[in-house]
Amino acid sequence: MRGVLAWNKDFALLKRSPFKIAGPASDRTSYIRDFHTSRFRSKDNKEDDKSSALVLHAFANAERKEKEAYLDIIREYKNNNELRRGHVEFIQVALKYMDDFGVNRDLAVYKVLLDVLPKGKFVPTNAFQTLFMHYPKQQYVAIDLLCKMEKNCVIPDVEMQDMLLNIFGKHGAPLKKFWRMMYWMPKFANLNPWPCARPAPKDPRILARLAISKISSVDVQTKIVEFETKDIEDAIEDTWIVSAMSSIQERLLETQSLNSPVCVEGPYTVWVVDQCIDYFVLRGESRKHNEYEDIDDVSNIKIPFWDEKEIVPAPTVHEQNDGTYFAMCATGTSTKDSLLSWIRCLQKQNPILNVIPVIFKVSSFSKEQLYIDTEKSKDKVMHVKE
């Protein structure tokens, strides 16, 4: 009640003040309302809002999608907007276009973008502000920036911790997110058994070699060889072939029955960083080892001098339930012609492929449309060829 009386007293003093507002009473009421709300702005503030709105569209309208152009847009926003109005919307738009500019794995760019937030304004000064999450929109956008770094495997450093302390204080939610990232990300940074250079190579031949080495790493004796189809007579296509085959697979192919054919199957897919690579396998029939016994099992010891049963060796890693895998490859075109050239390259090292039948079970990427030939026969349907 005392506060209401004090407000009425101040309003009465305002009415009796010598600085009277000319015009009708409705204009005076509108002026007072604008004075006490955020709608009352100067011309300079409106110009700043227009310039910040133009900067938001600068990412989409940029001619060069590169790092320097991305940083120039951020510098323009900082120089033309000293009060940093619309900083939350600006950071959200900037995070959206990081992949297009190729800066999603650059730690320095994340620091420059985090520096857009004003310093000291969002630091809570009492327990209630800490409890109710002081300035939640700004804290959430900083967490989104850290999540973007975590998704792209970018580990922050101590300098970013100091920036978060200056912006949100030691009780801010972004700093807690930073501490969790610093605990877990270094633990998993070097655990990938198939490391790849950063940034990932764009050459498909290098990516194919990385993919084949990744798949064939189950056998340490695997040899990766590169072939050129132009070195083969009557080759239709001029492309490259990355093939993988171990000495164990060569011995398995030598013991393959001549009556059972081997199949070239694919394409299957494997991921190398953010690139998808197609590969093919040379597979034979499954070899069942019903008589196999574990030689290390001591539960039923038998004397080898009196036991006439032959010891069956354990199946290799290439002998699976669905078949025996002899080789695998990736070609530049992933076509049947390039796979035929691959078999011809393998015939030089494995002469049994000249005798044993080879079947190609390759699914094509494009299919012909079904249509009915109405001119010759209405009932005749042309089937899809794969």
Protein backbone atom coordinates (compact mmCIF):
# COMPACT_ATOMS: atom_id res chain seq x y z
CA MET A 1 0.00 0.00 0.00
CA ARG A 2 2.85 2.34 0.85
CA GLY A 3 4.41 1.66 -2.59
CA VAL A 4 1.17 2.55 -4.39
CA LEU A 5 0.87 5.83 -2.49
CA ALA A 6 4.46 6.69 -3.31
CA TRP A 7 3.84 6.02 -7.01
CA ASN A 8 0.74 8.23 -7.00
CA LYS A 9 2.74 10.97 -5.32
CA ASP A 10 5.48 10.78 -7.95
CA PHE A 11 2.94 10.79 -10.77
CA ALA A 12 1.30 13.91 -9.26
CA LEU A 13 4.67 15.62 -9.14
CA LEU A 14 5.21 14.73 -12.77
CA LYS A 15 1.94 16.40 -13.68
CA ARG A 16 2.94 19.58 -11.84
CA SER A 17 6.44 19.64 -13.31
CA PRO A 18 7.44 22.62 -15.50
CA PHE A 19 8.38 20.28 -18.40
CA LYS A 20 4.86 19.84 -19.75
CA ILE A 21 4.08 17.89 -22.88
CA ALA A 22 2.14 19.77 -25.51
CA GLY A 23 -0.82 18.13 -27.17
CA PRO A 24 -3.93 16.28 -26.08
CA ALA A 25 -4.09 13.95 -23.09
CA SER A 26 -3.94 10.80 -25.27
CA ASP A 27 -0.58 11.90 -26.68
CA ARG A 28 0.77 12.56 -23.19
CA THR A 29 -0.37 9.11 -22.04
CA SER A 30 1.23 7.48 -25.08
CA TYR A 31 4.49 9.38 -24.45
CA ILE A 32 4.61 8.24 -20.83
CA ARG A 33 3.90 4.63 -21.86
CA ASP A 34 6.70 4.72 -24.40
CA PHE A 35 9.01 6.28 -21.87
CA HIS A 36 8.50 3.41 -19.43
CA THR A 37 8.72 0.62 -22.06
CA SER A 38 11.28 -0.58 -24.57
CA ARG A 39 9.36 0.89 -27.51
CA PHE A 40 10.90 4.29 -26.85
CA ARG A 41 14.09 4.32 -28.92
CA SER A 42 16.21 6.89 -30.62
CA LYS A 43 16.97 7.06 -34.32
CA ASP A 44 20.48 5.72 -33.79
CA ASN A 45 19.12 2.63 -32.06
CA LYS A 46 16.75 1.93 -34.94
CA GLU A 47 19.62 2.22 -37.40
CA ASP A 48 21.62 -0.28 -35.31
CA ASP A 49 18.71 -2.72 -35.46
CA LYS A 50 18.56 -2.42 -39.25
CA SER A 51 22.29 -3.04 -39.57
CA SER A 52 22.13 -6.09 -37.28
CA ALA A 53 19.23 -7.47 -39.32
CA LEU A 54 21.29 -7.14 -42.49
CA VAL A 55 24.16 -9.02 -40.87
CA LEU A 56 21.84 -11.96 -40.12
CA HIS A 57 21.26 -12.40 -43.86
CA ALA A 58 24.95 -11.91 -44.70
CA PHE A 59 25.74 -15.60 -44.14
CA ALA A 60 23.21 -16.71 -46.77
CA ASN A 61 24.18 -13.99 -49.25
CA ALA A 62 27.95 -14.44 -48.96
CA GLU A 63 29.67 -15.03 -52.29
CA ARG A 64 32.67 -16.94 -50.88
CA LYS A 65 31.93 -19.80 -48.49
CA GLU A 66 35.25 -19.82 -46.64
CA LYS A 67 36.72 -19.03 -43.24
CA GLU A 68 37.80 -15.45 -43.95
CA ALA A 69 34.35 -14.48 -45.23
CA TYR A 70 32.78 -16.03 -42.11
CA LEU A 71 35.07 -14.07 -39.79
CA ASP A 72 34.47 -10.83 -41.74
CA ILE A 73 30.73 -11.11 -41.09
CA ILE A 74 31.35 -11.53 -37.35
CA ARG A 75 33.72 -8.54 -37.30
CA GLU A 76 31.17 -6.42 -39.15
CA TYR A 77 28.52 -7.31 -36.59
CA LYS A 78 30.82 -6.36 -33.69
CA ASN A 79 31.95 -3.06 -35.22
CA ASN A 80 28.48 -1.85 -36.27
CA ASN A 81 26.67 -2.97 -33.12
CA GLU A 82 28.49 -1.83 -30.01
CA LEU A 83 25.58 -2.68 -27.70
CA ARG A 84 25.40 -6.17 -29.24
CA ARG A 85 21.65 -6.15 -29.82
CA GLY A 86 20.28 -9.42 -31.18
CA HIS A 87 23.39 -11.37 -30.19
CA VAL A 88 21.38 -14.54 -29.44
CA GLU A 89 19.77 -14.59 -32.89
CA PHE A 90 23.11 -13.79 -34.52
CA ILE A 91 24.89 -16.72 -32.83
CA GLN A 92 22.05 -19.09 -33.75
CA VAL A 93 22.27 -18.09 -37.42
CA ALA A 94 26.07 -18.29 -37.34
CA LEU A 95 25.96 -21.83 -35.91
CA LYS A 96 23.56 -22.83 -38.67
CA TYR A 97 25.96 -21.80 -41.46
CA MET A 98 29.20 -23.15 -39.97
CA ASP A 99 29.06 -26.34 -42.03
CA ASP A 100 28.52 -24.40 -45.27
CA PHE A 101 31.61 -22.25 -44.63
CA GLY A 102 33.73 -25.23 -43.56
CA VAL A 103 34.59 -23.85 -40.10
CA ASN A 104 32.73 -26.42 -38.02
CA ARG A 105 36.02 -27.99 -36.85
CA ASP A 106 37.96 -24.78 -36.16
CA LEU A 107 38.38 -23.95 -32.46
CA ALA A 108 39.46 -20.36 -33.17
CA VAL A 109 36.16 -19.64 -34.95
CA TYR A 110 34.17 -20.92 -31.98
CA LYS A 111 36.09 -18.55 -29.71
CA VAL A 112 35.40 -15.58 -31.98
CA LEU A 113 31.72 -16.47 -32.07
CA LEU A 114 31.54 -16.86 -28.27
CA ASP A 115 33.20 -13.46 -27.90
CA VAL A 116 30.05 -11.88 -29.38
CA LEU A 117 28.29 -12.23 -26.00
CA PRO A 118 28.73 -9.21 -23.68
CA LYS A 119 31.02 -9.64 -20.69
CA GLY A 120 29.90 -9.35 -17.06
CA LYS A 121 26.24 -8.60 -17.76
CA PHE A 122 25.03 -12.19 -17.35
CA VAL A 123 26.96 -12.99 -14.16
CA PRO A 124 24.50 -13.64 -11.27
CA THR A 125 24.96 -11.42 -8.23
CA ASN A 126 22.81 -13.26 -5.68
CA ALA A 127 21.51 -16.72 -4.84
CA PHE A 128 18.10 -16.19 -6.45
CA GLN A 129 19.60 -15.33 -9.85
CA THR A 130 21.76 -18.43 -9.65
CA LEU A 131 18.79 -20.59 -8.67
CA PHE A 132 16.49 -19.35 -11.46
CA MET A 133 19.16 -19.40 -14.22
CA HIS A 134 20.10 -15.79 -14.86
CA TYR A 135 19.51 -14.85 -18.55
CA PRO A 136 18.42 -18.32 -19.77
CA LYS A 137 18.36 -17.53 -23.53
CA GLN A 138 21.98 -16.46 -23.51
CA GLN A 139 23.02 -19.50 -21.49
CA TYR A 140 21.13 -21.86 -23.82
CA VAL A 141 22.75 -20.39 -26.93
CA ALA A 142 26.19 -20.83 -25.35
CA ILE A 143 25.31 -24.46 -24.57
CA ASP A 144 24.24 -24.91 -28.21
CA LEU A 145 27.66 -23.63 -29.27
CA LEU A 146 29.39 -26.14 -26.98
CA CYS A 147 27.15 -28.96 -28.26
CA LYS A 148 28.13 -28.02 -31.81
CA MET A 149 31.78 -28.37 -30.80
CA GLU A 150 31.11 -31.74 -29.17
CA LYS A 151 29.31 -33.02 -32.25
CA ASN A 152 32.25 -32.05 -34.48
CA CYS A 153 34.84 -33.50 -32.04
CA VAL A 154 36.39 -30.11 -31.24
CA ILE A 155 37.98 -30.13 -27.77
CA PRO A 156 37.89 -26.72 -26.02
CA ASP A 157 40.87 -25.23 -24.19
CA VAL A 158 41.56 -23.18 -21.04
CA GLU A 159 41.06 -19.89 -22.86
CA MET A 160 37.44 -20.79 -23.57
CA GLN A 161 36.97 -21.55 -19.88
CA ASP A 162 38.15 -18.02 -19.01
CA MET A 163 35.73 -16.59 -21.59
CA LEU A 164 32.80 -18.47 -20.07
CA LEU A 165 33.80 -17.30 -16.59
CA ASN A 166 33.82 -13.67 -17.73
CA ILE A 167 30.45 -14.01 -19.47
CA PHE A 168 28.36 -16.20 -17.12
CA GLY A 169 30.38 -16.58 -13.93
CA LYS A 170 31.34 -19.75 -12.11
CA HIS A 171 27.70 -20.80 -11.48
CA GLY A 172 26.59 -20.66 -15.13
CA ALA A 173 25.24 -23.73 -16.92
CA PRO A 174 27.60 -23.32 -19.94
CA LEU A 175 30.61 -23.63 -17.64
CA LYS A 176 29.27 -26.91 -16.23
CA LYS A 177 28.82 -28.17 -19.78
CA PHE A 178 32.40 -27.12 -20.52
CA TRP A 179 33.72 -29.09 -17.54
CA ARG A 180 31.87 -32.24 -18.63
CA MET A 181 33.32 -31.91 -22.13
CA MET A 182 36.83 -31.46 -20.78
CA TYR A 183 36.45 -34.62 -18.71
CA TRP A 184 35.06 -36.98 -21.37
CA MET A 185 36.31 -35.75 -24.74
CA PRO A 186 40.07 -36.19 -24.10
CA LYS A 187 39.36 -39.76 -22.96
CA PHE A 188 37.75 -40.69 -26.30
CA ALA A 189 39.84 -38.49 -28.58
CA ASN A 190 42.40 -41.16 -29.57
CA LEU A 191 40.40 -44.37 -29.10
CA ASN A 192 39.52 -44.81 -32.78
CA PRO A 193 41.47 -47.87 -34.05
CA TRP A 194 41.24 -46.52 -37.61
CA PRO A 195 42.45 -42.91 -37.32
CA CYS A 196 41.99 -40.53 -40.20
CA ALA A 197 43.61 -37.20 -40.95
CA ARG A 198 41.78 -33.98 -40.11
CA PRO A 199 40.38 -32.61 -42.32
CA ALA A 200 39.42 -35.80 -44.11
CA PRO A 201 40.90 -36.28 -47.61
CA LYS A 202 38.62 -35.63 -50.57
CA ASP A 203 40.37 -37.98 -53.02
CA PRO A 204 38.08 -41.05 -53.47
CA ARG A 205 41.09 -43.27 -54.09
CA ILE A 206 42.59 -42.42 -50.69
CA LEU A 207 39.22 -42.83 -49.01
CA ALA A 208 38.77 -46.24 -50.65
CA ARG A 209 42.16 -47.39 -49.36
CA LEU A 210 41.25 -46.23 -45.85
CA ALA A 211 37.92 -48.04 -46.06
CA ILE A 212 39.44 -51.32 -47.28
CA SER A 213 42.16 -51.21 -44.62
CA LYS A 214 39.46 -50.60 -42.02
CA ILE A 215 37.44 -53.65 -43.09
CA SER A 216 40.42 -55.97 -43.59
CA SER A 217 42.09 -55.08 -40.28
CA VAL A 218 40.63 -58.26 -38.78
CA ASP A 219 43.52 -60.13 -40.43
CA VAL A 220 46.99 -58.64 -39.92
CA GLN A 221 48.36 -60.56 -42.92
CA THR A 222 46.10 -58.75 -45.35
CA LYS A 223 47.85 -57.08 -48.28
CA ILE A 224 46.24 -54.09 -49.98
CA VAL A 225 47.10 -53.76 -53.66
CA GLU A 226 46.05 -51.12 -56.19
CA PHE A 227 45.34 -52.05 -59.81
CA GLU A 228 44.81 -50.01 -62.95
CA THR A 229 42.26 -51.37 -65.41
CA LYS A 230 44.19 -49.85 -68.34
CA ASP A 231 46.90 -52.47 -67.74
CA ILE A 232 44.42 -55.26 -68.54
CA GLU A 233 43.69 -56.29 -72.09
CA ASP A 234 40.16 -55.72 -73.40
CA ALA A 235 39.26 -53.59 -70.36
CA ILE A 236 36.22 -51.42 -71.06
CA GLU A 237 36.70 -48.80 -68.35
CA ASP A 238 39.78 -46.86 -67.31
CA THR A 239 39.62 -46.70 -63.52
CA TRP A 240 41.42 -47.84 -60.37
CA ILE A 241 40.82 -50.81 -58.08
CA VAL A 242 41.85 -51.14 -54.42
CA SER A 243 41.93 -54.85 -53.53
CA ALA A 244 42.59 -56.62 -50.22
CA MET A 245 43.53 -60.30 -49.83
CA SER A 246 45.61 -62.20 -47.27
CA SER A 247 47.71 -65.34 -47.55
CA ILE A 248 45.09 -67.26 -45.54
CA GLN A 249 42.42 -66.29 -48.05
CA GLU A 250 44.64 -67.42 -50.91
CA ARG A 251 45.01 -70.88 -49.31
CA LEU A 252 41.26 -71.06 -48.75
CA LEU A 253 40.68 -70.21 -52.40
CA GLU A 254 43.09 -72.93 -53.50
CA THR A 255 41.12 -75.56 -51.57
CA GLN A 256 37.79 -74.37 -52.95
CA SER A 257 35.81 -77.05 -54.80
CA LEU A 258 35.76 -76.56 -58.57
CA ASN A 259 32.10 -77.55 -58.72
CA SER A 260 30.91 -74.80 -56.36
CA PRO A 261 31.10 -71.28 -57.85
CA VAL A 262 32.27 -68.14 -56.10
CA CYS A 263 30.23 -64.94 -56.14
CA VAL A 264 31.06 -61.26 -56.42
CA GLU A 265 28.52 -59.48 -54.22
CA GLY A 266 27.78 -55.88 -53.39
CA PRO A 267 27.84 -53.03 -53.15
CA TYR A 268 28.08 -52.74 -49.39
CA THR A 269 28.79 -49.47 -47.60
CA VAL A 270 31.34 -48.40 -45.01
CA TRP A 271 31.86 -44.94 -43.52
CA VAL A 272 35.20 -43.15 -43.40
CA VAL A 273 34.72 -40.04 -41.25
CA ASP A 274 31.78 -38.38 -43.06
CA GLN A 275 32.23 -40.12 -46.44
CA CYS A 276 30.37 -43.27 -47.53
CA ILE A 277 32.39 -45.79 -49.59
CA ASP A 278 31.02 -48.75 -51.58
CA TYR A 279 32.91 -52.04 -51.58
CA PHE A 280 32.46 -55.56 -52.98
CA VAL A 281 33.39 -59.03 -51.72
CA LEU A 282 34.38 -62.31 -53.33
CA ARG A 283 32.51 -65.00 -51.39
CA GLY A 284 32.23 -68.78 -51.59
CA GLU A 285 30.02 -71.37 -49.97
CA SER A 286 30.03 -71.94 -46.23
CA ARG A 287 32.35 -74.62 -44.85
CA LYS A 288 30.85 -76.40 -41.88
CA HIS A 289 33.25 -77.82 -39.31
CA ASN A 290 31.08 -80.34 -37.52
CA GLU A 291 34.05 -82.46 -36.42
CA TYR A 292 36.01 -79.59 -34.97
CA GLU A 293 37.14 -80.00 -31.36
CA ASP A 294 38.85 -77.47 -29.17
CA ILE A 295 42.39 -78.72 -28.61
CA ASP A 296 42.67 -76.66 -25.41
CA ASP A 297 39.68 -78.37 -23.78
CA VAL A 298 40.97 -80.54 -20.87
CA SER A 299 37.56 -81.79 -19.69
CA ASN A 300 37.93 -84.99 -21.76
CA ILE A 301 41.61 -85.85 -22.17
CA LYS A 302 42.34 -88.51 -24.81
CA ILE A 303 45.58 -90.36 -25.52
CA PRO A 304 46.63 -89.51 -29.08
CA PHE A 305 48.41 -92.88 -29.54
CA TRP A 306 45.14 -94.81 -29.19
CA ASP A 307 42.79 -92.24 -30.71
CA GLU A 308 42.62 -92.54 -34.49
CA LYS A 309 40.50 -89.39 -34.94
CA GLU A 310 42.26 -86.63 -36.83
CA ILE A 311 42.56 -83.20 -35.24
CA VAL A 312 40.52 -80.67 -37.22
CA PRO A 313 41.99 -77.15 -37.21
CA ALA A 314 39.87 -74.28 -36.00
CA PRO A 315 38.07 -72.25 -38.68
CA THR A 316 39.70 -69.00 -39.71
CA VAL A 317 38.16 -65.59 -39.27
CA HIS A 318 37.26 -65.57 -42.98
CA GLU A 319 35.06 -68.66 -42.66
CA GLN A 320 31.71 -67.36 -41.47
CA ASN A 321 28.28 -68.97 -41.25
CA ASP A 322 27.04 -67.25 -44.41
CA GLY A 323 30.09 -68.17 -46.48
CA THR A 324 33.85 -67.98 -46.92
CA TYR A 325 35.26 -64.58 -47.86
CA PHE A 326 38.23 -64.67 -50.23
CA ALA A 327 38.81 -61.00 -51.12
CA MET A 328 37.26 -57.54 -51.15
CA CYS A 329 37.72 -54.43 -53.22
CA ALA A 330 36.56 -50.90 -54.01
CA THR A 331 36.60 -49.49 -57.52
CA GLY A 332 36.42 -46.00 -58.93
CA THR A 333 33.16 -46.60 -60.80
CA SER A 334 31.57 -49.52 -58.86
CA THR A 335 30.34 -51.11 -62.10
CA LYS A 336 30.28 -54.71 -63.35
CA ASP A 337 32.98 -53.95 -65.92
CA SER A 338 35.38 -52.75 -63.23
CA LEU A 339 34.61 -55.85 -61.13
CA LEU A 340 35.35 -58.08 -64.13
CA SER A 341 38.72 -56.35 -64.43
CA TRP A 342 39.26 -57.02 -60.70
CA ILE A 343 38.75 -60.76 -61.19
CA ARG A 344 41.21 -60.71 -64.07
CA CYS A 345 43.76 -59.03 -61.83
CA LEU A 346 43.25 -61.69 -59.15
CA GLN A 347 43.71 -64.48 -61.70
CA LYS A 348 47.41 -63.66 -62.01
CA GLN A 349 48.01 -64.49 -58.34
CA ASN A 350 45.26 -67.12 -58.04
CA PRO A 351 45.15 -69.33 -61.17
CA ILE A 352 42.20 -71.29 -59.78
CA LEU A 353 39.95 -68.40 -60.78
CA ASN A 354 40.59 -69.35 -64.42
CA VAL A 355 38.83 -72.67 -63.81
CA ILE A 356 36.27 -72.05 -61.10
CA PRO A 357 33.01 -70.34 -62.20
CA VAL A 358 32.46 -66.77 -60.98
CA ILE A 359 28.94 -65.35 -60.58
CA PHE A 360 28.29 -61.60 -60.34
CA LYS A 361 25.49 -60.69 -57.91
CA VAL A 362 25.73 -56.94 -58.16
CA SER A 363 22.74 -54.67 -57.60
CA SER A 364 22.67 -51.68 -59.92
CA PHE A 365 22.16 -48.16 -58.62
CA SER A 366 19.71 -47.15 -61.33
CA LYS A 367 16.76 -49.17 -62.55
CA GLU A 368 14.91 -48.99 -65.84
CA GLN A 369 11.23 -48.16 -65.75
CA LEU A 370 8.60 -50.84 -66.29
CA TYR A 371 6.62 -50.30 -69.44
CA ILE A 372 4.14 -52.19 -71.64
CA ASP A 373 4.83 -52.62 -75.33
CA THR A 374 1.41 -51.78 -76.81
CA GLU A 375 2.52 -51.99 -80.41
CA LYS A 376 3.54 -55.66 -80.53
CA SER A 377 1.64 -57.21 -77.66
CA LYS A 378 -0.47 -55.69 -74.93
CA ASP A 379 0.42 -58.44 -72.49
CA LYS A 380 4.17 -58.19 -72.95
CA VAL A 381 5.92 -56.55 -69.98
CA MET A 382 9.56 -55.56 -70.00
CA HIS A 383 11.16 -56.53 -66.67
CA VAL A 384 13.72 -54.58 -64.73
CA LYS A 385 17.32 -55.55 -65.31
CA GLU A 386 19.63 -55.49 -62.31
